[in-house]
Amino acid sequence: MEKQIDVAIIGGGIAGITAGLYVKRSNLSVMAIDRNVFGGKLAKLGEIYNYPGFEAISGPELAYKLMEQATKNDIELEYGSVINVTKQDDGLFLVETEEHMIRAKVVIIATGTIEKQLGIPGEKEFLNRGVSYCATCDGPLYRNKEVAVVGYLDTALEEAIYLSGIAQTVHLISKASVKEIESDKLSHVLSRSNINLIAKSDVMTIKGHDHVESIIVMDLDTNDEQEIKVSAVFPYIGQKTLTEFLANLKVETRNGYLVVNKDMETNVPGLLAAGDTTDKKLRQLVTAAGDGCIAATSAIRYIKAKK
């Protein structure tokens, strides 16, 4: 089946749905496509305390409210995986899913990212019960407690520094040695008295009952193991975007993220991006919503200019 619409939004998280709401207010037809559940990462989050308008709200509850609002505003929601996106000679984009061919004047990419997982026992079992991939979101829950950050990339060091202002002790577990950590943030890590850098080591197991209670850490040189009591584990070994379907468009990327300008425009005219899939410093719910608004405004302007 083939459909034609004004704006196709790939990704049904907060950036995508926000873009859809703004596009719809301009009386343009819009479809949001998501391969899983609408709401994106919200479905995996526990309590959210830093989203305006809510003193506290669970991720799934906010996701439901987003979907409900989208439905009330007649945004077409389509479940399915996008296989390929191409730009035709007539200037329209052809979005191919498993079941449909969708022609659109503008495409907004809002697929976000997925975290690279440790793949160890306890990681999935304790998700939202001590295992978190967002220190900014969940760090305040562990004020004056002992926590662990796993990784040695910039993001891991940044989050360890952030958590050191909240937690009693931050155990930073790094596979790399101190000499191998290539980050200008390392000096800041080493200057914090409550950051315990455990280099050339890896987390083997996350343990607990109803909540995270400890981790088993192995020294990569000696294979000796030690158990460290912690209340939370924050893995930061990297993220990856979900944009393989753009291969034929030659979209500019940086470190795997889509490069956009201040109007959320990529180097391909009519192709915009919003939220975590873009190359940006801060990835939060509120910034994703802002990106969605900007992308929608640019999409509206692009379509009007073509008339």
C-alpha atoms as a PDB file:
ATOM      1  CA  MET A   1       0.000   0.000   0.000  1.00  0.00           C
ATOM      2  CA  GLU A   2       1.263   3.482  -0.872  1.00  0.00           C
ATOM      3  CA  LYS A   3       0.419   6.653   1.051  1.00  0.00           C
ATOM      4  CA  GLN A   4       1.245  10.292   0.427  1.00  0.00           C
ATOM      5  CA  ILE A   5       1.579  12.823   3.222  1.00  0.00           C
ATOM      6  CA  ASP A   6       3.255  16.141   3.888  1.00  0.00           C
ATOM      7  CA  VAL A   7       5.580  15.136   6.718  1.00  0.00           C
ATOM      8  CA  ALA A   8       6.806  11.687   7.705  1.00  0.00           C
ATOM      9  CA  ILE A   9       8.365  11.460  11.149  1.00  0.00           C
ATOM     10  CA  ILE A  10      10.508   8.405  11.796  1.00  0.00           C
ATOM     11  CA  GLY A  11      10.543   7.848  15.539  1.00  0.00           C
ATOM     12  CA  GLY A  12       7.745   8.166  18.059  1.00  0.00           C
ATOM     13  CA  GLY A  13       9.559   9.468  21.099  1.00  0.00           C
ATOM     14  CA  ILE A  14       9.193  12.887  22.651  1.00  0.00           C
ATOM     15  CA  ALA A  15      11.059  14.650  19.819  1.00  0.00           C
ATOM     16  CA  GLY A  16       8.997  12.955  17.130  1.00  0.00           C
ATOM     17  CA  ILE A  17       5.615  13.441  18.760  1.00  0.00           C
ATOM     18  CA  THR A  18       6.380  17.083  19.583  1.00  0.00           C
ATOM     19  CA  ALA A  19       7.275  17.660  15.926  1.00  0.00           C
ATOM     20  CA  GLY A  20       4.038  15.967  14.900  1.00  0.00           C
ATOM     21  CA  LEU A  21       1.941  18.201  17.143  1.00  0.00           C
ATOM     22  CA  TYR A  22       3.458  21.368  15.695  1.00  0.00           C
ATOM     23  CA  VAL A  23       3.148  20.156  12.096  1.00  0.00           C
ATOM     24  CA  LYS A  24      -0.489  19.226  12.642  1.00  0.00           C
ATOM     25  CA  ARG A  25      -1.271  22.703  14.005  1.00  0.00           C
ATOM     26  CA  SER A  26      -0.343  24.040  10.570  1.00  0.00           C
ATOM     27  CA  ASN A  27      -2.979  21.845   8.926  1.00  0.00           C
ATOM     28  CA  LEU A  28      -0.438  19.607   7.231  1.00  0.00           C
ATOM     29  CA  SER A  29      -0.792  15.840   7.071  1.00  0.00           C
ATOM     30  CA  VAL A  30       1.679  13.994   9.262  1.00  0.00           C
ATOM     31  CA  MET A  31       2.546  10.404  10.116  1.00  0.00           C
ATOM     32  CA  ALA A  32       4.798   9.180  12.915  1.00  0.00           C
ATOM     33  CA  ILE A  33       6.403   5.778  12.395  1.00  0.00           C
ATOM     34  CA  ASP A  34       7.956   3.732  15.171  1.00  0.00           C
ATOM     35  CA  ARG A  35       9.249   0.198  15.189  1.00  0.00           C
ATOM     36  CA  ASN A  36       8.479  -0.452  18.853  1.00  0.00           C
ATOM     37  CA  VAL A  37       6.286   1.472  21.270  1.00  0.00           C
ATOM     38  CA  PHE A  38       5.468   5.143  20.949  1.00  0.00           C
ATOM     39  CA  GLY A  39       7.187   7.152  23.618  1.00  0.00           C
ATOM     40  CA  GLY A  40      10.646   5.797  22.797  1.00  0.00           C
ATOM     41  CA  LYS A  41      12.984   5.563  25.785  1.00  0.00           C
ATOM     42  CA  LEU A  42      10.246   6.813  28.087  1.00  0.00           C
ATOM     43  CA  ALA A  43       8.890   3.282  28.255  1.00  0.00           C
ATOM     44  CA  LYS A  44      12.149   2.190  29.927  1.00  0.00           C
ATOM     45  CA  LEU A  45      12.458   5.040  32.418  1.00  0.00           C
ATOM     46  CA  GLY A  46      11.361   4.954  36.026  1.00  0.00           C
ATOM     47  CA  GLU A  47      10.245   8.097  37.828  1.00  0.00           C
ATOM     48  CA  ILE A  48      11.014  11.376  36.065  1.00  0.00           C
ATOM     49  CA  TYR A  49      11.523  14.400  38.296  1.00  0.00           C
ATOM     50  CA  ASN A  50      12.926  16.983  35.887  1.00  0.00           C
ATOM     51  CA  TYR A  51      10.222  17.379  33.233  1.00  0.00           C
ATOM     52  CA  PRO A  52       8.332  20.689  33.485  1.00  0.00           C
ATOM     53  CA  GLY A  53       4.733  20.472  34.618  1.00  0.00           C
ATOM     54  CA  PHE A  54       5.128  17.266  36.596  1.00  0.00           C
ATOM     55  CA  GLU A  55       6.549  17.011  40.095  1.00  0.00           C
ATOM     56  CA  ALA A  56       7.061  13.347  39.302  1.00  0.00           C
ATOM     57  CA  ILE A  57       5.796  11.096  36.528  1.00  0.00           C
ATOM     58  CA  SER A  58       6.830   7.634  35.407  1.00  0.00           C
ATOM     59  CA  GLY A  59       8.296   7.127  31.953  1.00  0.00           C
ATOM     60  CA  PRO A  60       5.482   4.819  30.773  1.00  0.00           C
ATOM     61  CA  GLU A  61       2.852   7.267  32.046  1.00  0.00           C
ATOM     62  CA  LEU A  62       4.399  10.171  30.149  1.00  0.00           C
ATOM     63  CA  ALA A  63       4.681   7.966  27.052  1.00  0.00           C
ATOM     64  CA  TYR A  64       0.972   7.165  27.318  1.00  0.00           C
ATOM     65  CA  LYS A  65       0.111  10.856  27.633  1.00  0.00           C
ATOM     66  CA  LEU A  66       2.171  11.617  24.524  1.00  0.00           C
ATOM     67  CA  MET A  67       0.430   8.925  22.511  1.00  0.00           C
ATOM     68  CA  GLU A  68      -2.980  10.030  23.796  1.00  0.00           C
ATOM     69  CA  GLN A  69      -2.261  13.631  22.801  1.00  0.00           C
ATOM     70  CA  ALA A  70      -1.045  12.549  19.367  1.00  0.00           C
ATOM     71  CA  THR A  71      -4.203  10.520  18.802  1.00  0.00           C
ATOM     72  CA  LYS A  72      -6.478  13.378  19.886  1.00  0.00           C
ATOM     73  CA  ASN A  73      -4.695  15.657  17.424  1.00  0.00           C
ATOM     74  CA  ASP A  74      -5.217  13.173  14.569  1.00  0.00           C
ATOM     75  CA  ILE A  75      -1.551  12.380  14.076  1.00  0.00           C
ATOM     76  CA  GLU A  76      -1.396   9.126  12.160  1.00  0.00           C
ATOM     77  CA  LEU A  77       0.631   6.572  14.119  1.00  0.00           C
ATOM     78  CA  GLU A  78       2.193   3.754  12.160  1.00  0.00           C
ATOM     79  CA  TYR A  79       3.944   0.755  13.704  1.00  0.00           C
ATOM     80  CA  GLY A  80       6.751  -0.702  11.634  1.00  0.00           C
ATOM     81  CA  SER A  81      10.447  -0.705  10.846  1.00  0.00           C
ATOM     82  CA  VAL A  82      11.716   1.702   8.225  1.00  0.00           C
ATOM     83  CA  ILE A  83      13.871  -0.210   5.766  1.00  0.00           C
ATOM     84  CA  ASN A  84      14.961   2.516   3.377  1.00  0.00           C
ATOM     85  CA  VAL A  85      14.556   6.222   2.658  1.00  0.00           C
ATOM     86  CA  THR A  86      15.335   7.693  -0.761  1.00  0.00           C
ATOM     87  CA  LYS A  87      14.720  11.022  -2.473  1.00  0.00           C
ATOM     88  CA  GLN A  88      12.947  10.850  -5.824  1.00  0.00           C
ATOM     89  CA  ASP A  89      13.441  12.978  -8.934  1.00  0.00           C
ATOM     90  CA  ASP A  90      10.251  14.897  -8.125  1.00  0.00           C
ATOM     91  CA  GLY A  91      11.744  16.013  -4.814  1.00  0.00           C
ATOM     92  CA  LEU A  92       9.554  13.750  -2.684  1.00  0.00           C
ATOM     93  CA  PHE A  93      10.978  11.273  -0.217  1.00  0.00           C
ATOM     94  CA  LEU A  94      10.052   7.617  -0.461  1.00  0.00           C
ATOM     95  CA  VAL A  95       9.923   5.977   2.964  1.00  0.00           C
ATOM     96  CA  GLU A  96       9.790   2.203   2.769  1.00  0.00           C
ATOM     97  CA  THR A  97       8.531   0.175   5.730  1.00  0.00           C
ATOM     98  CA  GLU A  98       7.813  -3.523   5.969  1.00  0.00           C
ATOM     99  CA  GLU A  99       4.228  -2.951   4.843  1.00  0.00           C
ATOM    100  CA  HIS A 100       3.959   0.487   3.231  1.00  0.00           C
ATOM    101  CA  MET A 101       5.548   2.870   0.768  1.00  0.00           C
ATOM    102  CA  ILE A 102       5.094   6.414   2.034  1.00  0.00           C
ATOM    103  CA  ARG A 103       5.729   9.497  -0.081  1.00  0.00           C
ATOM    104  CA  ALA A 104       6.449  12.652   1.892  1.00  0.00           C
ATOM    105  CA  LYS A 105       7.513  16.211   1.161  1.00  0.00           C
ATOM    106  CA  VAL A 106       9.619  16.306   4.318  1.00  0.00           C
ATOM    107  CA  VAL A 107      11.088  13.614   6.549  1.00  0.00           C
ATOM    108  CA  ILE A 108      12.055  14.223  10.179  1.00  0.00           C
ATOM    109  CA  ILE A 109      14.393  11.665  11.760  1.00  0.00           C
ATOM    110  CA  ALA A 110      13.752  11.250  15.484  1.00  0.00           C
ATOM    111  CA  THR A 111      14.835   7.670  16.111  1.00  0.00           C
ATOM    112  CA  GLY A 112      17.032   8.532  19.082  1.00  0.00           C
ATOM    113  CA  THR A 113      19.739   6.170  20.226  1.00  0.00           C
ATOM    114  CA  ILE A 114      20.069   2.907  22.021  1.00  0.00           C
ATOM    115  CA  GLU A 115      22.666   2.307  24.721  1.00  0.00           C
ATOM    116  CA  LYS A 116      25.379  -0.214  24.211  1.00  0.00           C
ATOM    117  CA  GLN A 117      24.832  -2.714  26.986  1.00  0.00           C
ATOM    118  CA  LEU A 118      27.356  -4.421  29.203  1.00  0.00           C
ATOM    119  CA  GLY A 119      25.763  -7.785  28.528  1.00  0.00           C
ATOM    120  CA  ILE A 120      26.382  -9.099  32.022  1.00  0.00           C
ATOM    121  CA  PRO A 121      24.176 -10.870  34.571  1.00  0.00           C
ATOM    122  CA  GLY A 122      21.970  -8.448  36.484  1.00  0.00           C
ATOM    123  CA  GLU A 123      21.971  -5.642  33.913  1.00  0.00           C
ATOM    124  CA  LYS A 124      18.520  -6.339  32.481  1.00  0.00           C
ATOM    125  CA  GLU A 125      17.124  -7.696  35.730  1.00  0.00           C
ATOM    126  CA  PHE A 126      17.840  -4.477  37.637  1.00  0.00           C
ATOM    127  CA  LEU A 127      16.908  -1.967  34.942  1.00  0.00           C
ATOM    128  CA  ASN A 128      15.164   0.961  36.715  1.00  0.00           C
ATOM    129  CA  ARG A 129      15.999  -0.763  40.005  1.00  0.00           C
ATOM    130  CA  GLY A 130      19.510   0.540  40.270  1.00  0.00           C
ATOM    131  CA  VAL A 131      20.692   0.134  36.695  1.00  0.00           C
ATOM    132  CA  SER A 132      20.283   3.385  34.774  1.00  0.00           C
ATOM    133  CA  TYR A 133      21.679   4.816  31.559  1.00  0.00           C
ATOM    134  CA  CYS A 134      20.970   8.406  32.564  1.00  0.00           C
ATOM    135  CA  ALA A 135      22.819   9.862  35.548  1.00  0.00           C
ATOM    136  CA  THR A 136      21.215  13.265  35.043  1.00  0.00           C
ATOM    137  CA  CYS A 137      17.777  11.659  35.247  1.00  0.00           C
ATOM    138  CA  ASP A 138      18.310   9.212  38.095  1.00  0.00           C
ATOM    139  CA  GLY A 139      21.432  10.374  39.910  1.00  0.00           C
ATOM    140  CA  PRO A 140      19.511  12.445  42.498  1.00  0.00           C
ATOM    141  CA  LEU A 141      17.801   9.245  43.639  1.00  0.00           C
ATOM    142  CA  TYR A 142      21.135   8.068  45.041  1.00  0.00           C
ATOM    143  CA  ARG A 143      22.183  11.145  46.968  1.00  0.00           C
ATOM    144  CA  ASN A 144      24.836  10.354  49.601  1.00  0.00           C
ATOM    145  CA  LYS A 145      25.039   6.717  48.477  1.00  0.00           C
ATOM    146  CA  GLU A 146      27.725   4.698  46.730  1.00  0.00           C
ATOM    147  CA  VAL A 147      27.298   4.244  42.979  1.00  0.00           C
ATOM    148  CA  ALA A 148      29.288   2.864  40.063  1.00  0.00           C
ATOM    149  CA  VAL A 149      29.912   4.280  36.589  1.00  0.00           C
ATOM    150  CA  VAL A 150      31.179   1.842  33.962  1.00  0.00           C
ATOM    151  CA  GLY A 151      33.228   3.116  31.023  1.00  0.00           C
ATOM    152  CA  TYR A 152      36.134   5.349  30.086  1.00  0.00           C
ATOM    153  CA  LEU A 153      34.777   7.482  27.230  1.00  0.00           C
ATOM    154  CA  ASP A 154      34.043  11.172  27.686  1.00  0.00           C
ATOM    155  CA  THR A 155      30.429  10.471  28.626  1.00  0.00           C
ATOM    156  CA  ALA A 156      31.460   8.092  31.412  1.00  0.00           C
ATOM    157  CA  LEU A 157      33.892  10.609  32.848  1.00  0.00           C
ATOM    158  CA  GLU A 158      31.346  13.416  32.568  1.00  0.00           C
ATOM    159  CA  GLU A 159      28.723  11.408  34.411  1.00  0.00           C
ATOM    160  CA  ALA A 160      31.197  10.349  37.100  1.00  0.00           C
ATOM    161  CA  ILE A 161      32.038  14.014  37.690  1.00  0.00           C
ATOM    162  CA  TYR A 162      28.342  14.919  37.794  1.00  0.00           C
ATOM    163  CA  LEU A 163      27.526  12.115  40.213  1.00  0.00           C
ATOM    164  CA  SER A 164      30.430  13.059  42.468  1.00  0.00           C
ATOM    165  CA  GLY A 165      28.447  16.138  43.418  1.00  0.00           C
ATOM    166  CA  ILE A 166      25.530  13.963  44.542  1.00  0.00           C
ATOM    167  CA  ALA A 167      26.771  10.577  45.682  1.00  0.00           C
ATOM    168  CA  GLN A 168      28.959   9.758  48.646  1.00  0.00           C
ATOM    169  CA  THR A 169      31.363   7.750  46.468  1.00  0.00           C
ATOM    170  CA  VAL A 170      31.523   7.128  42.733  1.00  0.00           C
ATOM    171  CA  HIS A 171      33.397   3.987  41.672  1.00  0.00           C
ATOM    172  CA  LEU A 172      34.508   4.548  38.069  1.00  0.00           C
ATOM    173  CA  ILE A 173      35.250   1.182  36.465  1.00  0.00           C
ATOM    174  CA  SER A 174      37.453   1.489  33.375  1.00  0.00           C
ATOM    175  CA  LYS A 175      38.738  -1.218  31.073  1.00  0.00           C
ATOM    176  CA  ALA A 176      41.465   1.188  30.008  1.00  0.00           C
ATOM    177  CA  SER A 177      44.473   2.104  32.081  1.00  0.00           C
ATOM    178  CA  VAL A 178      44.920   5.684  33.249  1.00  0.00           C
ATOM    179  CA  LYS A 179      47.455   6.259  30.451  1.00  0.00           C
ATOM    180  CA  GLU A 180      45.014   4.890  27.864  1.00  0.00           C
ATOM    181  CA  ILE A 181      42.137   7.203  28.841  1.00  0.00           C
ATOM    182  CA  GLU A 182      42.251   9.934  26.211  1.00  0.00           C
ATOM    183  CA  SER A 183      40.069  12.651  27.672  1.00  0.00           C
ATOM    184  CA  ASP A 184      40.683  16.167  28.904  1.00  0.00           C
ATOM    185  CA  LYS A 185      38.212  15.343  31.683  1.00  0.00           C
ATOM    186  CA  LEU A 186      40.545  12.820  33.299  1.00  0.00           C
ATOM    187  CA  SER A 187      42.271  15.491  35.391  1.00  0.00           C
ATOM    188  CA  HIS A 188      38.897  16.546  36.771  1.00  0.00           C
ATOM    189  CA  VAL A 189      38.103  12.936  37.649  1.00  0.00           C
ATOM    190  CA  LEU A 190      41.408  12.476  39.445  1.00  0.00           C
ATOM    191  CA  SER A 191      40.921  15.722  41.379  1.00  0.00           C
ATOM    192  CA  ARG A 192      37.633  14.557  42.919  1.00  0.00           C
ATOM    193  CA  SER A 193      38.287  12.933  46.285  1.00  0.00           C
ATOM    194  CA  ASN A 194      35.087  10.892  46.155  1.00  0.00           C
ATOM    195  CA  ILE A 195      35.706   9.363  42.717  1.00  0.00           C
ATOM    196  CA  ASN A 196      37.421   5.995  43.029  1.00  0.00           C
ATOM    197  CA  LEU A 197      38.929   5.200  39.626  1.00  0.00           C
ATOM    198  CA  ILE A 198      39.399   1.458  39.211  1.00  0.00           C
ATOM    199  CA  ALA A 199      41.408   1.105  35.980  1.00  0.00           C
ATOM    200  CA  LYS A 200      42.168  -2.004  33.902  1.00  0.00           C
ATOM    201  CA  SER A 201      39.074  -3.637  35.380  1.00  0.00           C
ATOM    202  CA  ASP A 202      35.649  -4.763  34.251  1.00  0.00           C
ATOM    203  CA  VAL A 203      32.271  -5.370  35.870  1.00  0.00           C
ATOM    204  CA  MET A 204      31.347  -9.041  35.648  1.00  0.00           C
ATOM    205  CA  THR A 205      28.059  -9.204  37.566  1.00  0.00           C
ATOM    206  CA  ILE A 206      25.474  -6.898  39.099  1.00  0.00           C
ATOM    207  CA  LYS A 207      23.983  -8.364  42.268  1.00  0.00           C
ATOM    208  CA  GLY A 208      21.037  -7.636  44.519  1.00  0.00           C
ATOM    209  CA  HIS A 209      17.569  -8.693  45.555  1.00  0.00           C
ATOM    210  CA  ASP A 210      14.838  -6.160  44.821  1.00  0.00           C
ATOM    211  CA  HIS A 211      17.435  -3.511  43.962  1.00  0.00           C
ATOM    212  CA  VAL A 212      21.108  -3.259  43.060  1.00  0.00           C
ATOM    213  CA  GLU A 213      23.292  -4.003  46.093  1.00  0.00           C
ATOM    214  CA  SER A 214      26.766  -4.714  44.724  1.00  0.00           C
ATOM    215  CA  ILE A 215      28.951  -5.411  41.714  1.00  0.00           C
ATOM    216  CA  ILE A 216      31.664  -7.966  41.061  1.00  0.00           C
ATOM    217  CA  VAL A 217      34.717  -6.309  39.519  1.00  0.00           C
ATOM    218  CA  MET A 218      37.588  -8.226  37.932  1.00  0.00           C
ATOM    219  CA  ASP A 219      41.138  -6.927  37.561  1.00  0.00           C
ATOM    220  CA  LEU A 220      42.003  -7.496  33.892  1.00  0.00           C
ATOM    221  CA  ASP A 221      45.695  -8.044  34.662  1.00  0.00           C
ATOM    222  CA  THR A 222      45.397 -10.575  37.493  1.00  0.00           C
ATOM    223  CA  ASN A 223      41.812 -11.864  37.018  1.00  0.00           C
ATOM    224  CA  ASP A 224      41.278 -11.255  40.735  1.00  0.00           C
ATOM    225  CA  GLU A 225      37.718 -10.341  41.658  1.00  0.00           C
ATOM    226  CA  GLN A 226      36.319  -8.063  44.344  1.00  0.00           C
ATOM    227  CA  GLU A 227      32.792  -7.238  45.422  1.00  0.00           C
ATOM    228  CA  ILE A 228      31.924  -3.556  45.804  1.00  0.00           C
ATOM    229  CA  LYS A 229      28.778  -2.405  47.588  1.00  0.00           C
ATOM    230  CA  VAL A 230      26.826   0.076  45.454  1.00  0.00           C
ATOM    231  CA  SER A 231      23.204   1.199  45.192  1.00  0.00           C
ATOM    232  CA  ALA A 232      23.268   1.995  41.488  1.00  0.00           C
ATOM    233  CA  VAL A 233      25.181   1.208  38.303  1.00  0.00           C
ATOM    234  CA  PHE A 234      25.424   3.649  35.391  1.00  0.00           C
ATOM    235  CA  PRO A 235      26.864   1.975  32.244  1.00  0.00           C
ATOM    236  CA  TYR A 236      28.387   4.444  29.784  1.00  0.00           C
ATOM    237  CA  ILE A 237      30.200   2.403  27.183  1.00  0.00           C
ATOM    238  CA  GLY A 238      28.666   4.255  24.254  1.00  0.00           C
ATOM    239  CA  GLN A 239      25.487   4.671  22.263  1.00  0.00           C
ATOM    240  CA  LYS A 240      24.505   3.985  18.706  1.00  0.00           C
ATOM    241  CA  THR A 241      21.960   5.640  16.457  1.00  0.00           C
ATOM    242  CA  LEU A 242      19.258   3.877  14.490  1.00  0.00           C
ATOM    243  CA  THR A 243      19.746   5.448  11.074  1.00  0.00           C
ATOM    244  CA  GLU A 244      20.925   2.597   8.841  1.00  0.00           C
ATOM    245  CA  PHE A 245      17.944   3.204   6.552  1.00  0.00           C
ATOM    246  CA  LEU A 246      19.495   6.538   5.445  1.00  0.00           C
ATOM    247  CA  ALA A 247      22.455   4.862   3.722  1.00  0.00           C
ATOM    248  CA  ASN A 248      21.348   5.906   0.226  1.00  0.00           C
ATOM    249  CA  LEU A 249      20.989   9.595   1.106  1.00  0.00           C
ATOM    250  CA  LYS A 250      24.615  10.270   2.075  1.00  0.00           C
ATOM    251  CA  VAL A 251      23.632  12.244   5.163  1.00  0.00           C
ATOM    252  CA  GLU A 252      26.500  13.941   6.968  1.00  0.00           C
ATOM    253  CA  THR A 253      27.293  12.372  10.338  1.00  0.00           C
ATOM    254  CA  ARG A 254      29.775  12.949  13.135  1.00  0.00           C
ATOM    255  CA  ASN A 255      30.708  10.072  15.421  1.00  0.00           C
ATOM    256  CA  GLY A 256      27.619   8.254  14.192  1.00  0.00           C
ATOM    257  CA  TYR A 257      25.209  11.132  14.928  1.00  0.00           C
ATOM    258  CA  LEU A 258      23.369  13.181  12.296  1.00  0.00           C
ATOM    259  CA  VAL A 259      24.838  16.645  11.778  1.00  0.00           C
ATOM    260  CA  VAL A 260      22.206  19.404  11.772  1.00  0.00           C
ATOM    261  CA  ASN A 261      22.234  23.196  11.825  1.00  0.00           C
ATOM    262  CA  LYS A 262      20.331  25.401  14.275  1.00  0.00           C
ATOM    263  CA  ASP A 263      17.116  24.739  12.320  1.00  0.00           C
ATOM    264  CA  MET A 264      17.536  20.949  12.623  1.00  0.00           C
ATOM    265  CA  GLU A 265      18.289  20.692   8.896  1.00  0.00           C
ATOM    266  CA  THR A 266      20.682  18.033   7.600  1.00  0.00           C
ATOM    267  CA  ASN A 267      22.791  18.452   4.458  1.00  0.00           C
ATOM    268  CA  VAL A 268      19.933  16.863   2.471  1.00  0.00           C
ATOM    269  CA  PRO A 269      17.219  19.441   1.673  1.00  0.00           C
ATOM    270  CA  GLY A 270      13.900  18.458   3.217  1.00  0.00           C
ATOM    271  CA  LEU A 271      15.492  15.946   5.582  1.00  0.00           C
ATOM    272  CA  LEU A 272      15.518  17.113   9.184  1.00  0.00           C
ATOM    273  CA  ALA A 273      16.468  15.474  12.461  1.00  0.00           C
ATOM    274  CA  ALA A 274      15.588  16.033  16.103  1.00  0.00           C
ATOM    275  CA  GLY A 275      16.452  14.660  19.507  1.00  0.00           C
ATOM    276  CA  ASP A 276      19.164  12.243  20.550  1.00  0.00           C
ATOM    277  CA  THR A 277      19.988  11.090  17.027  1.00  0.00           C
ATOM    278  CA  THR A 278      21.606  14.465  16.308  1.00  0.00           C
ATOM    279  CA  ASP A 279      25.152  15.531  17.135  1.00  0.00           C
ATOM    280  CA  LYS A 280      24.616  17.524  20.328  1.00  0.00           C
ATOM    281  CA  LYS A 281      26.030  17.895  23.818  1.00  0.00           C
ATOM    282  CA  LEU A 282      22.932  17.515  25.980  1.00  0.00           C
ATOM    283  CA  ARG A 283      20.421  14.703  25.571  1.00  0.00           C
ATOM    284  CA  GLN A 284      17.426  15.306  27.811  1.00  0.00           C
ATOM    285  CA  LEU A 285      13.657  15.059  27.446  1.00  0.00           C
ATOM    286  CA  VAL A 286      13.219  18.828  27.429  1.00  0.00           C
ATOM    287  CA  THR A 287      15.891  19.360  24.772  1.00  0.00           C
ATOM    288  CA  ALA A 288      14.331  16.611  22.628  1.00  0.00           C
ATOM    289  CA  ALA A 289      10.979  18.385  22.803  1.00  0.00           C
ATOM    290  CA  GLY A 290      12.645  21.659  21.825  1.00  0.00           C
ATOM    291  CA  ASP A 291      14.385  19.992  18.882  1.00  0.00           C
ATOM    292  CA  GLY A 292      11.051  18.555  17.737  1.00  0.00           C
ATOM    293  CA  CYS A 293       9.462  22.006  17.773  1.00  0.00           C
ATOM    294  CA  ILE A 294      12.323  23.515  15.764  1.00  0.00           C
ATOM    295  CA  ALA A 295      12.306  20.676  13.232  1.00  0.00           C
ATOM    296  CA  ALA A 296       8.548  21.025  12.730  1.00  0.00           C
ATOM    297  CA  THR A 297       8.858  24.766  12.181  1.00  0.00           C
ATOM    298  CA  SER A 298      11.570  24.170   9.583  1.00  0.00           C
ATOM    299  CA  ALA A 299       9.454  21.499   7.895  1.00  0.00           C
ATOM    300  CA  ILE A 300       6.492  23.858   7.653  1.00  0.00           C
ATOM    301  CA  ARG A 301       8.676  26.620   6.207  1.00  0.00           C
ATOM    302  CA  TYR A 302      10.219  24.203   3.669  1.00  0.00           C
ATOM    303  CA  ILE A 303       6.813  23.022   2.427  1.00  0.00           C
ATOM    304  CA  LYS A 304       5.385  26.528   2.146  1.00  0.00           C
ATOM    305  CA  ALA A 305       8.429  27.658   0.155  1.00  0.00           C
ATOM    306  CA  LYS A 306       7.799  24.873  -2.363  1.00  0.00           C
ATOM    307  CA  LYS A 307       4.211  25.916  -3.087  1.00  0.00           C
END
